[in-house]
Protein backbone atom coordinates (compact mmCIF):
# COMPACT_ATOMS: atom_id res chain seq x y z
CA MET A 1 -9.97 -2.75 24.67
CA PRO A 2 -10.41 -4.83 21.27
CA THR A 3 -8.22 -7.92 21.70
CA ASN A 4 -5.28 -8.86 18.98
CA SER A 5 -8.27 -10.93 17.03
CA ALA A 6 -11.22 -8.75 17.11
CA ILE A 7 -9.49 -6.04 15.65
CA ARG A 8 -9.37 -6.47 11.30
CA THR A 9 -7.00 -5.94 8.93
CA PRO A 10 -7.17 -4.85 5.35
CA ARG A 11 -6.44 -7.21 2.65
CA PRO A 12 -6.89 -6.01 -1.04
CA ASP A 13 -9.52 -3.88 -2.68
CA SER A 14 -10.66 -4.97 -5.45
CA SER A 15 -12.11 -1.64 -5.50
CA ALA A 16 -9.29 -0.24 -5.40
CA GLN A 17 -6.36 1.33 -7.18
CA GLN A 18 -3.31 -0.89 -7.22
CA LEU A 19 0.28 1.77 -7.27
CA TRP A 20 3.17 0.10 -8.08
CA ALA A 21 5.00 -3.52 -6.62
CA ILE A 22 8.64 -3.53 -5.81
CA SER A 23 10.47 -6.64 -5.42
CA LYS A 24 13.64 -7.25 -2.92
CA GLY A 25 15.18 -11.06 -3.09
CA GLU A 26 11.99 -13.33 -1.73
CA ARG A 27 10.21 -10.01 -0.43
CA SER A 28 7.34 -7.90 -1.80
CA VAL A 29 5.40 -5.19 -1.12
CA HIS A 30 2.58 -3.41 -3.57
CA ALA A 31 0.57 -0.53 -2.59
CA GLU A 32 -3.23 0.05 -4.10
CA LEU A 33 -5.12 3.95 -3.25
CA ARG A 34 -8.80 3.79 -2.29
CA GLU A 35 -11.11 6.85 -2.54
CA GLY A 36 -13.74 8.30 -0.46
CA GLY A 37 -15.66 11.47 0.65
CA TRP A 38 -13.36 10.50 3.60
CA GLY A 39 -10.35 11.38 1.39
CA CYS A 40 -8.06 8.53 0.03
CA GLU A 41 -5.91 6.34 2.24
CA VAL A 42 -2.64 4.68 0.75
CA ARG A 43 -2.35 1.04 2.34
CA LEU A 44 1.11 -1.16 1.39
CA PHE A 45 1.00 -4.55 1.49
CA SER A 46 2.98 -7.74 2.01
CA ASP A 47 2.01 -11.38 1.38
CA GLY A 48 -1.18 -10.64 0.40
CA ARG A 49 -1.25 -8.06 4.24
CA CYS A 50 -1.89 -5.14 4.78
CA PHE A 51 1.63 -4.13 7.16
CA ALA A 52 0.68 0.09 6.90
CA ALA A 53 -2.12 2.74 5.25
CA HIS A 54 -2.04 6.06 5.49
CA ALA A 55 -4.79 8.35 5.08
CA LEU A 56 -4.83 11.66 2.83
CA ASP A 57 -6.70 14.78 2.14
CA SER A 58 -6.61 14.40 -1.59
CA ARG A 59 -5.74 11.87 -4.56
CA GLU A 60 -2.63 14.50 -5.01
CA LEU A 61 -1.64 14.18 -1.77
CA ALA A 62 -1.52 10.46 -1.91
CA LEU A 63 0.22 9.88 -4.25
CA GLN A 64 3.11 11.84 -3.98
CA TYR A 65 2.81 9.71 -0.49
CA ALA A 66 3.09 6.34 -1.94
CA SER A 67 5.76 7.47 -4.82
CA ALA A 68 7.29 8.36 -2.03
CA ILE A 69 7.81 5.56 0.03
CA GLU A 70 8.65 3.45 -3.48
CA ARG A 71 12.11 6.18 -4.73
CA ASP A 72 11.91 5.73 -0.16
CA LEU A 73 13.01 1.88 -1.58
CA ILE A 74 14.17 1.74 -4.57
CA ALA A 75 17.48 4.15 -3.04
CA ARG A 76 17.60 1.40 -0.90
CA GLY A 77 17.23 -1.62 -3.50
CA TRP A 78 14.24 -2.95 -4.15
CA VAL A 79 13.40 -3.23 -7.73
CA LYS A 80 10.25 -2.43 -9.78
CA THR A 81 7.82 -5.37 -10.95
CA THR A 82 4.70 -5.82 -12.29
CA VAL A 83 1.97 -4.98 -10.01
CA GLN A 84 -0.52 -8.28 -9.30
CA VAL A 85 -2.16 -9.01 -6.10
CA PRO A 86 -1.58 -11.86 -4.01
């Protein structure tokens, strides 16, 4: 079983498509989309660290998934900002 030090935390990927950025107070989150032969992956980052990732079968499903997260955060008081990767 891998130890915590052996688990790799994904970092922002320059080849990934930046989808949106959002903030609330001092906190910020951004989403990126990675595509591969296996499908698409939506990754969520805060403070330059990935805290969630979800693989989906198609780009369309991945974009819908990311949009749903963004809408939910906006409904909770988060504000859309310029996409900037730390």
